[in-house]
């Protein structure tokens, strides 16, 4: 009976994994667009990897300030990267784009009662654009992303991989193999544009492999 239960749980996880693998490519940022950002020179007129990474770190700070989960942060980064990979963005608009993507992720993931006002987001972020600017940017972002806000992220794969591996570990190893460490690695990887070119499934698998190697 126990073996049947365990097998059933594993089968369900594998089913979820297959479903995520089918979905991940649909919301993956265009690699050519990300490479263009990586190779751009910092002349104040073009989007660069440094500017993008700096904005993601700001989004991480906002996530921590409001006490939101990693899922919200991962989705906001995914939305921003998808947009940046499709559009030629001037650096002066990056703050509005980043905060708009963050706000879209918050509204998609967090409970409604925890969603802050746009005015509060702008004030806390110390940006100089208005709520009207943010509303207009939200329309642009949604249109360019085909109104697809929710997406498969590396966090989803990381959660599944962890569940599949965790049950087969010894009690001592389980104490060391905590999910929070994996989340920390994921957050750090989001802050580097190079990792955004990887499929979420591959990025999550790399983080798992790194953690297991470190524990050896």
N, C-alpha and C. Protein backbone atom coordinates (compact mmCIF):
# COMPACT_ATOMS: atom_id res chain seq x y z
N UNK A 1 0.82 -1.19 0.00
CA UNK A 1 0.00 0.00 0.00
C UNK A 1 0.87 1.26 0.00
N UNK A 2 1.92 1.24 0.84
CA UNK A 2 2.82 2.39 0.92
C UNK A 2 3.54 2.60 -0.41
N UNK A 3 4.02 1.47 -1.00
CA UNK A 3 4.73 1.55 -2.27
C UNK A 3 3.81 2.12 -3.35
N UNK A 4 2.54 1.70 -3.33
CA UNK A 4 1.58 2.19 -4.32
C UNK A 4 1.37 3.69 -4.17
N UNK A 5 1.29 4.15 -2.90
CA UNK A 5 1.11 5.57 -2.62
C UNK A 5 2.30 6.37 -3.11
N UNK A 6 3.49 5.92 -2.81
CA UNK A 6 4.71 6.62 -3.22
C UNK A 6 4.79 6.70 -4.74
N UNK A 7 4.50 5.58 -5.39
CA UNK A 7 4.54 5.54 -6.85
C UNK A 7 3.53 6.50 -7.45
N UNK A 8 2.36 6.57 -6.85
CA UNK A 8 1.32 7.48 -7.31
C UNK A 8 1.76 8.93 -7.19
N UNK A 9 2.43 9.26 -6.08
CA UNK A 9 2.90 10.63 -5.87
C UNK A 9 3.98 10.99 -6.89
N UNK A 10 4.88 10.07 -7.14
CA UNK A 10 5.95 10.31 -8.11
C UNK A 10 5.37 10.46 -9.51
N UNK A 11 4.41 9.64 -9.84
CA UNK A 11 3.77 9.74 -11.15
C UNK A 11 3.09 11.09 -11.34
N UNK A 12 2.48 11.60 -10.28
CA UNK A 12 1.82 12.90 -10.35
C UNK A 12 2.84 14.00 -10.57
N UNK A 13 3.98 13.90 -9.88
CA UNK A 13 5.03 14.89 -10.05
C UNK A 13 5.61 14.86 -11.47
N UNK A 14 5.78 13.65 -12.00
CA UNK A 14 6.29 13.51 -13.36
C UNK A 14 5.29 14.06 -14.39
N UNK A 15 4.02 13.87 -14.09
CA UNK A 15 2.98 14.42 -14.97
C UNK A 15 3.06 15.95 -14.98
N UNK A 16 3.24 16.52 -13.80
CA UNK A 16 3.37 17.98 -13.70
C UNK A 16 4.62 18.46 -14.43
N UNK A 17 5.69 17.68 -14.32
CA UNK A 17 6.94 18.04 -14.99
C UNK A 17 6.76 18.07 -16.51
N UNK A 18 6.12 17.06 -17.04
CA UNK A 18 5.87 17.02 -18.49
C UNK A 18 5.03 18.19 -18.95
N UNK A 19 4.06 18.55 -18.12
CA UNK A 19 3.19 19.69 -18.44
C UNK A 19 3.98 20.99 -18.47
N UNK A 20 4.86 21.17 -17.50
CA UNK A 20 5.69 22.37 -17.44
C UNK A 20 6.66 22.44 -18.62
N UNK A 21 7.20 21.30 -19.00
CA UNK A 21 8.14 21.24 -20.13
C UNK A 21 7.46 21.66 -21.43
N UNK A 22 6.20 21.33 -21.56
CA UNK A 22 5.44 21.71 -22.75
C UNK A 22 5.15 23.20 -22.76
N UNK A 23 5.02 23.79 -21.59
CA UNK A 23 4.63 25.19 -21.49
C UNK A 23 5.80 26.16 -21.51
N UNK A 24 6.97 25.72 -21.06
CA UNK A 24 8.06 26.67 -20.82
C UNK A 24 8.52 27.42 -22.07
N UNK A 25 8.51 26.76 -23.21
CA UNK A 25 9.01 27.39 -24.43
C UNK A 25 8.11 28.51 -24.90
N UNK A 26 6.82 28.46 -24.52
CA UNK A 26 5.86 29.46 -24.98
C UNK A 26 6.11 30.83 -24.38
N UNK A 27 6.74 30.88 -23.22
CA UNK A 27 6.96 32.16 -22.53
C UNK A 27 8.44 32.46 -22.33
N UNK A 28 9.28 31.85 -23.13
CA UNK A 28 10.71 32.06 -23.01
C UNK A 28 11.13 33.33 -23.75
N UNK A 29 11.89 34.23 -23.11
CA UNK A 29 12.36 35.45 -23.79
C UNK A 29 13.18 35.08 -25.03
N UNK A 30 13.10 35.90 -26.05
CA UNK A 30 13.86 35.64 -27.26
C UNK A 30 15.35 35.77 -26.98
N UNK A 31 16.09 34.68 -27.23
CA UNK A 31 17.52 34.66 -26.93
C UNK A 31 18.27 35.71 -27.74
N UNK A 32 17.85 35.94 -28.98
CA UNK A 32 18.54 36.92 -29.82
C UNK A 32 18.39 38.33 -29.26
N UNK A 33 17.20 38.61 -28.68
CA UNK A 33 16.98 39.92 -28.07
C UNK A 33 17.81 40.12 -26.82
N UNK A 34 17.95 39.06 -26.03
CA UNK A 34 18.78 39.14 -24.82
C UNK A 34 20.25 39.28 -25.17
N UNK A 35 20.68 38.58 -26.22
CA UNK A 35 22.08 38.68 -26.64
C UNK A 35 22.40 40.09 -27.13
N UNK A 36 21.43 40.73 -27.78
CA UNK A 36 21.62 42.10 -28.25
C UNK A 36 21.84 43.04 -27.07
N UNK A 37 21.10 42.81 -26.00
CA UNK A 37 21.28 43.62 -24.79
C UNK A 37 22.66 43.37 -24.18
N UNK A 38 23.07 42.10 -24.16
CA UNK A 38 24.37 41.74 -23.59
C UNK A 38 25.53 42.40 -24.32
N UNK A 39 25.40 42.58 -25.62
CA UNK A 39 26.50 43.11 -26.43
C UNK A 39 26.43 44.62 -26.62
N UNK A 40 25.39 45.26 -26.08
CA UNK A 40 25.23 46.71 -26.24
C UNK A 40 26.20 47.46 -25.34
N UNK A 41 26.72 48.58 -25.85
CA UNK A 41 27.64 49.41 -25.08
C UNK A 41 26.85 50.41 -24.25
N UNK A 42 27.39 50.74 -23.10
CA UNK A 42 26.71 51.63 -22.15
C UNK A 42 26.94 53.09 -22.57
N UNK A 43 26.12 53.56 -23.52
CA UNK A 43 26.27 54.94 -23.99
C UNK A 43 25.10 55.83 -23.58
N UNK A 44 24.21 55.30 -22.75
CA UNK A 44 23.07 56.08 -22.29
C UNK A 44 21.88 56.05 -23.21
N UNK A 45 22.04 55.43 -24.38
CA UNK A 45 20.96 55.38 -25.36
C UNK A 45 20.41 53.98 -25.59
N UNK A 46 21.20 52.99 -25.24
CA UNK A 46 20.80 51.60 -25.49
C UNK A 46 20.69 50.84 -24.16
N UNK A 47 19.79 49.86 -24.16
CA UNK A 47 19.67 48.97 -23.01
C UNK A 47 20.90 48.08 -22.92
N UNK A 48 21.43 47.91 -21.72
CA UNK A 48 22.62 47.08 -21.52
C UNK A 48 22.35 46.03 -20.44
N UNK A 49 23.22 45.05 -20.39
CA UNK A 49 23.10 44.00 -19.37
C UNK A 49 23.23 44.58 -17.98
N UNK A 50 24.12 45.55 -17.81
CA UNK A 50 24.34 46.16 -16.50
C UNK A 50 23.07 46.85 -16.00
N UNK A 51 22.43 47.58 -16.89
CA UNK A 51 21.20 48.29 -16.51
C UNK A 51 20.08 47.31 -16.19
N UNK A 52 19.98 46.28 -17.00
CA UNK A 52 18.94 45.26 -16.75
C UNK A 52 19.16 44.58 -15.42
N UNK A 53 20.39 44.17 -15.14
CA UNK A 53 20.69 43.47 -13.89
C UNK A 53 20.45 44.38 -12.68
N UNK A 54 20.77 45.65 -12.83
CA UNK A 54 20.54 46.60 -11.74
C UNK A 54 19.05 46.74 -11.45
N UNK A 55 18.24 46.76 -12.50
CA UNK A 55 16.79 46.87 -12.32
C UNK A 55 16.23 45.63 -11.64
N UNK A 56 16.73 44.46 -11.99
CA UNK A 56 16.27 43.22 -11.36
C UNK A 56 16.59 43.24 -9.87
N UNK A 57 17.75 43.76 -9.50
CA UNK A 57 18.11 43.85 -8.08
C UNK A 57 17.16 44.78 -7.35
N UNK A 58 16.70 45.82 -8.04
CA UNK A 58 15.70 46.72 -7.44
C UNK A 58 14.39 45.97 -7.22
N UNK A 59 14.01 45.13 -8.18
CA UNK A 59 12.78 44.35 -8.05
C UNK A 59 12.89 43.36 -6.89
N UNK A 60 14.08 42.81 -6.71
CA UNK A 60 14.30 41.89 -5.59
C UNK A 60 14.15 42.63 -4.26
N UNK A 61 14.67 43.85 -4.20
CA UNK A 61 14.53 44.65 -2.99
C UNK A 61 13.07 44.96 -2.69
N UNK A 62 12.30 45.26 -3.74
CA UNK A 62 10.87 45.52 -3.57
C UNK A 62 10.15 44.27 -3.08
N UNK A 63 10.52 43.13 -3.65
CA UNK A 63 9.92 41.86 -3.24
C UNK A 63 10.15 41.61 -1.75
N UNK A 64 11.36 41.85 -1.32
CA UNK A 64 11.70 41.64 0.09
C UNK A 64 11.02 42.68 0.99
N UNK A 65 10.92 43.91 0.51
CA UNK A 65 10.30 44.98 1.29
C UNK A 65 8.84 44.66 1.60
N UNK A 66 8.12 44.17 0.59
CA UNK A 66 6.70 43.87 0.76
C UNK A 66 6.45 42.46 1.30
N UNK A 67 7.51 41.67 1.42
CA UNK A 67 7.35 40.32 1.93
C UNK A 67 6.70 39.37 0.95
N UNK A 68 6.86 39.64 -0.35
CA UNK A 68 6.29 38.77 -1.37
C UNK A 68 7.18 37.55 -1.59
N UNK A 69 6.61 36.52 -2.19
CA UNK A 69 7.34 35.28 -2.40
C UNK A 69 8.23 35.29 -3.62
N UNK A 70 9.06 34.28 -3.72
CA UNK A 70 9.97 34.14 -4.86
C UNK A 70 9.21 34.00 -6.18
N UNK A 71 8.02 33.42 -6.13
CA UNK A 71 7.23 33.25 -7.34
C UNK A 71 6.90 34.61 -7.97
N UNK A 72 6.58 35.58 -7.15
CA UNK A 72 6.28 36.93 -7.64
C UNK A 72 7.51 37.56 -8.27
N UNK A 73 8.64 37.41 -7.60
CA UNK A 73 9.89 37.96 -8.13
C UNK A 73 10.27 37.30 -9.45
N UNK A 74 10.19 35.97 -9.50
CA UNK A 74 10.56 35.24 -10.72
C UNK A 74 9.66 35.63 -11.89
N UNK A 75 8.37 35.78 -11.63
CA UNK A 75 7.46 36.15 -12.69
C UNK A 75 7.71 37.57 -13.17
N UNK A 76 8.00 38.48 -12.26
CA UNK A 76 8.27 39.86 -12.67
C UNK A 76 9.52 39.94 -13.56
N UNK A 77 10.54 39.17 -13.22
CA UNK A 77 11.75 39.13 -14.04
C UNK A 77 11.46 38.51 -15.40
N UNK A 78 10.66 37.46 -15.41
CA UNK A 78 10.29 36.79 -16.66
C UNK A 78 9.55 37.77 -17.58
N UNK A 79 8.59 38.51 -17.03
CA UNK A 79 7.83 39.48 -17.82
C UNK A 79 8.73 40.57 -18.38
N UNK A 80 9.62 41.08 -17.54
CA UNK A 80 10.50 42.15 -17.99
C UNK A 80 11.46 41.67 -19.07
N UNK A 81 12.03 40.49 -18.90
CA UNK A 81 12.96 39.96 -19.90
C UNK A 81 12.26 39.68 -21.23
N UNK A 82 11.04 39.16 -21.16
CA UNK A 82 10.28 38.92 -22.39
C UNK A 82 10.04 40.22 -23.15
N UNK A 83 9.73 41.28 -22.40
CA UNK A 83 9.48 42.58 -23.02
C UNK A 83 10.76 43.18 -23.58
N UNK A 84 11.82 43.17 -22.78
CA UNK A 84 13.09 43.75 -23.23
C UNK A 84 13.65 43.02 -24.44
N UNK A 85 13.41 41.71 -24.51
CA UNK A 85 13.92 40.92 -25.63
C UNK A 85 13.17 41.18 -26.92
N UNK A 86 12.00 41.81 -26.82
CA UNK A 86 11.19 42.08 -28.02
C UNK A 86 11.27 43.54 -28.47
N UNK A 87 11.54 44.44 -27.53
CA UNK A 87 11.45 45.87 -27.81
C UNK A 87 12.80 46.58 -27.68
N UNK A 88 12.97 47.64 -28.45
CA UNK A 88 14.14 48.50 -28.29
C UNK A 88 13.79 49.53 -27.22
N UNK A 89 14.37 49.36 -26.06
CA UNK A 89 14.01 50.18 -24.91
C UNK A 89 15.12 51.17 -24.58
N UNK A 90 14.74 52.41 -24.36
CA UNK A 90 15.69 53.41 -23.91
C UNK A 90 15.85 53.30 -22.39
N UNK A 91 17.06 53.46 -21.89
CA UNK A 91 17.31 53.32 -20.46
C UNK A 91 16.39 54.16 -19.58
N UNK A 92 15.98 55.33 -20.05
CA UNK A 92 15.15 56.21 -19.23
C UNK A 92 13.76 55.61 -18.96
N UNK A 93 13.36 54.63 -19.75
CA UNK A 93 12.05 54.00 -19.57
C UNK A 93 12.13 52.71 -18.77
N UNK A 94 13.33 52.26 -18.44
CA UNK A 94 13.51 50.96 -17.80
C UNK A 94 12.83 50.89 -16.44
N UNK A 95 12.93 51.95 -15.64
CA UNK A 95 12.32 51.94 -14.32
C UNK A 95 10.82 51.73 -14.38
N UNK A 96 10.17 52.40 -15.31
CA UNK A 96 8.73 52.26 -15.47
C UNK A 96 8.37 50.86 -15.95
N UNK A 97 9.16 50.32 -16.85
CA UNK A 97 8.93 48.97 -17.36
C UNK A 97 9.09 47.95 -16.24
N UNK A 98 10.18 48.06 -15.50
CA UNK A 98 10.44 47.11 -14.41
C UNK A 98 9.36 47.14 -13.36
N UNK A 99 8.96 48.34 -12.93
CA UNK A 99 7.95 48.44 -11.89
C UNK A 99 6.59 47.96 -12.39
N UNK A 100 6.31 48.21 -13.66
CA UNK A 100 5.05 47.73 -14.25
C UNK A 100 5.01 46.21 -14.28
N UNK A 101 6.09 45.59 -14.68
CA UNK A 101 6.16 44.12 -14.71
C UNK A 101 6.04 43.55 -13.31
N UNK A 102 6.64 44.24 -12.36
CA UNK A 102 6.53 43.81 -10.96
C UNK A 102 5.08 43.88 -10.49
N UNK A 103 4.40 44.97 -10.84
CA UNK A 103 3.02 45.17 -10.44
C UNK A 103 2.11 44.11 -11.08
N UNK A 104 2.36 43.78 -12.35
CA UNK A 104 1.59 42.74 -13.02
C UNK A 104 1.78 41.39 -12.33
N UNK A 105 3.01 41.10 -11.94
CA UNK A 105 3.31 39.84 -11.25
C UNK A 105 2.63 39.80 -9.89
N UNK A 106 2.67 40.91 -9.18
CA UNK A 106 2.05 40.98 -7.85
C UNK A 106 0.54 40.71 -7.97
N UNK A 107 -0.10 41.34 -8.94
CA UNK A 107 -1.54 41.17 -9.11
C UNK A 107 -1.90 39.77 -9.56
N UNK A 108 -0.97 39.10 -10.24
CA UNK A 108 -1.23 37.75 -10.73
C UNK A 108 -1.00 36.68 -9.66
N UNK A 109 -0.09 36.94 -8.73
CA UNK A 109 0.33 35.92 -7.77
C UNK A 109 -0.18 36.16 -6.35
N UNK A 110 -0.05 37.38 -5.87
CA UNK A 110 -0.35 37.66 -4.48
C UNK A 110 -1.86 37.81 -4.23
N UNK A 111 -2.25 37.64 -2.98
CA UNK A 111 -3.64 37.83 -2.61
C UNK A 111 -4.02 39.29 -2.80
N UNK A 112 -5.25 39.51 -3.21
CA UNK A 112 -5.70 40.86 -3.55
C UNK A 112 -5.50 41.85 -2.40
N UNK A 113 -5.73 41.41 -1.19
CA UNK A 113 -5.60 42.30 -0.04
C UNK A 113 -4.15 42.73 0.22
N UNK A 114 -3.19 42.02 -0.38
CA UNK A 114 -1.77 42.35 -0.19
C UNK A 114 -1.20 43.18 -1.33
N UNK A 115 -2.01 43.45 -2.35
CA UNK A 115 -1.52 44.20 -3.51
C UNK A 115 -1.44 45.69 -3.15
N UNK A 116 -0.27 46.29 -3.21
CA UNK A 116 -0.13 47.71 -2.85
C UNK A 116 -0.70 48.62 -3.93
N UNK A 117 -0.95 49.85 -3.57
CA UNK A 117 -1.39 50.84 -4.54
C UNK A 117 -0.23 51.22 -5.45
N UNK A 118 -0.55 51.56 -6.69
CA UNK A 118 0.50 51.96 -7.63
C UNK A 118 1.24 53.19 -7.11
N UNK A 119 0.51 54.09 -6.47
CA UNK A 119 1.15 55.30 -5.92
C UNK A 119 2.19 54.95 -4.86
N UNK A 120 1.88 53.93 -4.06
CA UNK A 120 2.83 53.51 -3.02
C UNK A 120 4.07 52.87 -3.63
N UNK A 121 3.86 52.08 -4.69
CA UNK A 121 4.99 51.45 -5.37
C UNK A 121 5.94 52.50 -5.94
N UNK A 122 5.36 53.50 -6.58
CA UNK A 122 6.17 54.57 -7.18
C UNK A 122 6.91 55.36 -6.10
N UNK A 123 6.20 55.66 -5.02
CA UNK A 123 6.81 56.43 -3.92
C UNK A 123 7.96 55.67 -3.28
N UNK A 124 7.74 54.40 -2.98
CA UNK A 124 8.77 53.59 -2.33
C UNK A 124 9.97 53.37 -3.26
N UNK A 125 9.69 53.24 -4.55
CA UNK A 125 10.76 53.03 -5.53
C UNK A 125 11.52 54.31 -5.85
N UNK A 126 10.93 55.46 -5.46
CA UNK A 126 11.54 56.78 -5.69
C UNK A 126 11.70 57.10 -7.17
N UNK A 127 10.76 56.61 -7.96
CA UNK A 127 10.76 56.96 -9.38
C UNK A 127 9.98 58.25 -9.58
N UNK A 128 10.22 58.92 -10.68
CA UNK A 128 9.61 60.22 -10.93
C UNK A 128 8.45 60.16 -11.91
N UNK A 129 8.14 58.99 -12.43
CA UNK A 129 7.00 58.91 -13.35
C UNK A 129 5.69 58.85 -12.55
N UNK A 130 4.58 59.05 -13.24
CA UNK A 130 3.28 59.13 -12.59
C UNK A 130 2.52 57.81 -12.70
N UNK A 131 1.40 57.74 -11.98
CA UNK A 131 0.54 56.56 -12.07
C UNK A 131 0.00 56.42 -13.49
N UNK A 132 -0.30 57.56 -14.13
CA UNK A 132 -0.78 57.53 -15.52
C UNK A 132 0.27 56.91 -16.43
N UNK A 133 1.53 57.27 -16.23
CA UNK A 133 2.62 56.69 -17.02
C UNK A 133 2.67 55.17 -16.84
N UNK A 134 2.47 54.73 -15.62
CA UNK A 134 2.52 53.31 -15.31
C UNK A 134 1.33 52.57 -15.94
N UNK A 135 0.16 53.21 -15.94
CA UNK A 135 -1.02 52.61 -16.56
C UNK A 135 -0.81 52.46 -18.06
N UNK A 136 -0.24 53.49 -18.68
CA UNK A 136 0.04 53.43 -20.11
C UNK A 136 1.07 52.35 -20.42
N UNK A 137 2.09 52.25 -19.57
CA UNK A 137 3.12 51.23 -19.78
C UNK A 137 2.54 49.84 -19.61
N UNK A 138 1.62 49.67 -18.66
CA UNK A 138 0.99 48.38 -18.45
C UNK A 138 0.27 47.91 -19.72
N UNK A 139 -0.41 48.83 -20.38
CA UNK A 139 -1.11 48.49 -21.63
C UNK A 139 -0.12 48.06 -22.70
N UNK A 140 0.99 48.78 -22.79
CA UNK A 140 2.01 48.46 -23.80
C UNK A 140 2.62 47.09 -23.54
N UNK A 141 2.98 46.84 -22.28
CA UNK A 141 3.59 45.56 -21.91
C UNK A 141 2.64 44.41 -22.21
N UNK A 142 1.41 44.55 -21.80
CA UNK A 142 0.43 43.49 -22.01
C UNK A 142 0.20 43.21 -23.49
N UNK A 143 0.13 44.26 -24.28
CA UNK A 143 -0.06 44.08 -25.72
C UNK A 143 1.12 43.36 -26.36
N UNK A 144 2.33 43.76 -26.00
CA UNK A 144 3.53 43.16 -26.58
C UNK A 144 3.73 41.71 -26.13
N UNK A 145 3.21 41.37 -24.96
CA UNK A 145 3.33 40.00 -24.45
C UNK A 145 2.10 39.15 -24.76
N UNK A 146 1.23 39.69 -25.60
CA UNK A 146 0.05 38.93 -26.01
C UNK A 146 -0.91 38.68 -24.86
N UNK A 147 -0.89 39.56 -23.86
CA UNK A 147 -1.78 39.47 -22.70
C UNK A 147 -1.55 38.20 -21.89
N UNK A 148 -0.37 37.62 -22.05
CA UNK A 148 -0.02 36.42 -21.29
C UNK A 148 0.87 36.81 -20.12
N UNK A 149 0.27 36.87 -18.95
CA UNK A 149 1.01 37.28 -17.76
C UNK A 149 1.60 36.09 -17.03
N UNK A 150 0.78 35.13 -16.70
CA UNK A 150 1.28 33.95 -15.99
C UNK A 150 2.17 33.13 -16.91
N UNK A 151 3.25 32.63 -16.35
CA UNK A 151 4.22 31.88 -17.16
C UNK A 151 4.94 30.84 -16.31
N UNK A 152 5.47 29.84 -16.98
CA UNK A 152 6.28 28.82 -16.31
C UNK A 152 7.65 29.40 -16.02
N UNK A 153 8.06 29.34 -14.78
CA UNK A 153 9.36 29.89 -14.38
C UNK A 153 10.26 28.79 -13.83
N UNK A 154 11.51 29.13 -13.63
CA UNK A 154 12.47 28.16 -13.08
C UNK A 154 12.07 27.73 -11.68
N UNK A 155 11.36 28.59 -10.97
CA UNK A 155 10.92 28.25 -9.62
C UNK A 155 9.99 27.03 -9.63
N UNK A 156 9.10 26.96 -10.62
CA UNK A 156 8.18 25.82 -10.72
C UNK A 156 8.96 24.51 -10.89
N UNK A 157 9.97 24.55 -11.74
CA UNK A 157 10.80 23.35 -11.95
C UNK A 157 11.60 23.02 -10.70
N UNK A 158 12.11 24.06 -10.05
CA UNK A 158 12.91 23.86 -8.85
C UNK A 158 12.08 23.17 -7.76
N UNK A 159 10.84 23.58 -7.63
CA UNK A 159 9.95 22.97 -6.63
C UNK A 159 9.70 21.49 -6.94
N UNK A 160 9.50 21.19 -8.22
CA UNK A 160 9.26 19.80 -8.62
C UNK A 160 10.51 18.94 -8.45
N UNK A 161 11.64 19.45 -8.89
CA UNK A 161 12.90 18.70 -8.74
C UNK A 161 13.18 18.40 -7.28
N UNK A 162 12.97 19.41 -6.45
CA UNK A 162 13.22 19.25 -5.01
C UNK A 162 12.31 18.18 -4.43
N UNK A 163 11.04 18.19 -4.82
CA UNK A 163 10.09 17.19 -4.32
C UNK A 163 10.47 15.78 -4.74
N UNK A 164 10.94 15.63 -5.98
CA UNK A 164 11.32 14.32 -6.49
C UNK A 164 12.56 13.77 -5.77
N UNK A 165 13.50 14.65 -5.47
CA UNK A 165 14.76 14.22 -4.85
C UNK A 165 14.62 14.07 -3.34
N UNK A 166 13.89 14.97 -2.72
CA UNK A 166 13.83 15.06 -1.26
C UNK A 166 13.40 13.76 -0.59
N UNK A 167 12.38 13.11 -1.12
CA UNK A 167 11.84 11.91 -0.48
C UNK A 167 12.81 10.74 -0.48
N UNK A 168 13.82 10.78 -1.35
CA UNK A 168 14.78 9.69 -1.45
C UNK A 168 16.06 9.95 -0.65
N UNK A 169 16.08 11.04 0.09
CA UNK A 169 17.26 11.37 0.88
C UNK A 169 17.15 10.79 2.29
N UNK A 170 18.30 10.59 2.90
CA UNK A 170 18.31 10.14 4.30
C UNK A 170 17.87 11.30 5.18
N UNK A 171 17.55 11.00 6.42
CA UNK A 171 17.09 12.03 7.35
C UNK A 171 18.14 13.12 7.52
N UNK A 172 19.40 12.73 7.59
CA UNK A 172 20.48 13.70 7.76
C UNK A 172 20.62 14.60 6.54
N UNK A 173 20.52 14.00 5.35
CA UNK A 173 20.63 14.79 4.12
C UNK A 173 19.47 15.74 3.96
N UNK A 174 18.29 15.33 4.43
CA UNK A 174 17.11 16.19 4.32
C UNK A 174 17.30 17.48 5.12
N UNK A 175 18.01 17.37 6.24
CA UNK A 175 18.24 18.55 7.06
C UNK A 175 19.10 19.58 6.33
N UNK A 176 19.95 19.10 5.44
CA UNK A 176 20.85 19.98 4.69
C UNK A 176 20.23 20.46 3.38
N UNK A 177 19.40 19.62 2.79
CA UNK A 177 18.85 19.91 1.47
C UNK A 177 17.57 20.73 1.60
N UNK A 178 17.71 21.97 2.09
CA UNK A 178 16.55 22.82 2.33
C UNK A 178 16.24 23.65 1.08
N UNK A 179 14.97 23.87 0.85
CA UNK A 179 14.55 24.55 -0.37
C UNK A 179 14.96 26.02 -0.38
N UNK A 180 15.08 26.62 0.80
CA UNK A 180 15.43 28.04 0.88
C UNK A 180 16.79 28.32 0.24
N UNK A 181 17.72 27.37 0.36
CA UNK A 181 19.04 27.56 -0.27
C UNK A 181 18.91 27.55 -1.79
N UNK A 182 18.06 26.69 -2.30
CA UNK A 182 17.83 26.64 -3.75
C UNK A 182 17.21 27.95 -4.23
N UNK A 183 16.28 28.47 -3.44
CA UNK A 183 15.64 29.75 -3.79
C UNK A 183 16.67 30.88 -3.83
N UNK A 184 17.61 30.87 -2.90
CA UNK A 184 18.64 31.90 -2.87
C UNK A 184 19.49 31.86 -4.13
N UNK A 185 19.85 30.65 -4.56
CA UNK A 185 20.62 30.51 -5.80
C UNK A 185 19.81 31.02 -7.00
N UNK A 186 18.52 30.73 -6.99
CA UNK A 186 17.66 31.16 -8.10
C UNK A 186 17.57 32.68 -8.16
N UNK A 187 17.37 33.30 -7.03
CA UNK A 187 17.29 34.76 -6.99
C UNK A 187 18.58 35.39 -7.52
N UNK A 188 19.70 34.82 -7.13
CA UNK A 188 20.99 35.34 -7.59
C UNK A 188 21.13 35.18 -9.10
N UNK A 189 20.66 34.08 -9.63
CA UNK A 189 20.76 33.84 -11.07
C UNK A 189 19.86 34.80 -11.85
N UNK A 190 18.73 35.16 -11.28
CA UNK A 190 17.84 36.12 -11.95
C UNK A 190 18.51 37.47 -12.12
N UNK A 191 19.46 37.76 -11.27
CA UNK A 191 20.15 39.06 -11.31
C UNK A 191 21.26 39.11 -12.36
N UNK A 192 21.39 38.06 -13.14
CA UNK A 192 22.36 38.01 -14.25
C UNK A 192 21.63 37.65 -15.52
N UNK A 193 21.65 38.54 -16.50
CA UNK A 193 20.87 38.36 -17.72
C UNK A 193 21.26 37.09 -18.48
N UNK A 194 22.51 36.67 -18.33
CA UNK A 194 22.97 35.49 -19.05
C UNK A 194 22.15 34.25 -18.74
N UNK A 195 21.67 34.14 -17.50
CA UNK A 195 20.88 32.98 -17.12
C UNK A 195 19.47 33.01 -17.69
N UNK A 196 19.03 34.17 -18.14
CA UNK A 196 17.68 34.28 -18.70
C UNK A 196 17.58 33.64 -20.07
N UNK A 197 18.74 33.41 -20.70
CA UNK A 197 18.71 32.74 -22.01
C UNK A 197 18.47 31.25 -21.87
N UNK A 198 18.73 30.70 -20.68
CA UNK A 198 18.53 29.28 -20.44
C UNK A 198 17.04 28.97 -20.26
N UNK A 199 16.63 27.80 -20.66
CA UNK A 199 15.27 27.38 -20.38
C UNK A 199 15.11 27.24 -18.87
N UNK A 200 13.94 27.55 -18.33
CA UNK A 200 13.72 27.43 -16.88
C UNK A 200 14.05 26.04 -16.34
N UNK A 201 13.72 25.01 -17.12
CA UNK A 201 13.98 23.64 -16.67
C UNK A 201 15.48 23.38 -16.53
N UNK A 202 16.27 23.94 -17.44
CA UNK A 202 17.73 23.75 -17.41
C UNK A 202 18.35 24.56 -16.27
N UNK A 203 17.87 25.78 -16.10
CA UNK A 203 18.39 26.62 -15.02
C UNK A 203 18.12 25.97 -13.66
N UNK A 204 16.91 25.49 -13.47
CA UNK A 204 16.56 24.84 -12.20
C UNK A 204 17.38 23.58 -11.97
N UNK A 205 17.59 22.82 -13.03
CA UNK A 205 18.38 21.60 -12.91
C UNK A 205 19.83 21.92 -12.56
N UNK A 206 20.36 22.99 -13.13
CA UNK A 206 21.73 23.41 -12.82
C UNK A 206 21.88 23.82 -11.36
N UNK A 207 20.86 24.52 -10.86
CA UNK A 207 20.87 24.94 -9.45
C UNK A 207 20.82 23.72 -8.54
N UNK A 208 20.00 22.74 -8.90
CA UNK A 208 19.92 21.50 -8.12
C UNK A 208 21.27 20.79 -8.12
N UNK A 209 21.88 20.69 -9.29
CA UNK A 209 23.16 19.99 -9.41
C UNK A 209 24.25 20.70 -8.61
N UNK A 210 24.24 22.03 -8.64
CA UNK A 210 25.22 22.81 -7.89
C UNK A 210 25.07 22.58 -6.39
N UNK A 211 23.83 22.57 -5.92
CA UNK A 211 23.58 22.37 -4.49
C UNK A 211 24.01 20.98 -4.04
N UNK A 212 23.71 19.97 -4.86
CA UNK A 212 24.07 18.61 -4.51
C UNK A 212 25.58 18.42 -4.52
N UNK A 213 26.25 19.12 -5.45
CA UNK A 213 27.70 19.04 -5.52
C UNK A 213 28.34 19.69 -4.31
N UNK A 214 27.77 20.83 -3.89
CA UNK A 214 28.31 21.53 -2.72
C UNK A 214 28.14 20.69 -1.45
N UNK A 215 27.06 19.95 -1.37
CA UNK A 215 26.82 19.13 -0.18
C UNK A 215 27.72 17.91 -0.10
N UNK A 216 28.26 17.48 -1.23
CA UNK A 216 29.17 16.35 -1.22
C UNK A 216 30.50 16.74 -0.60
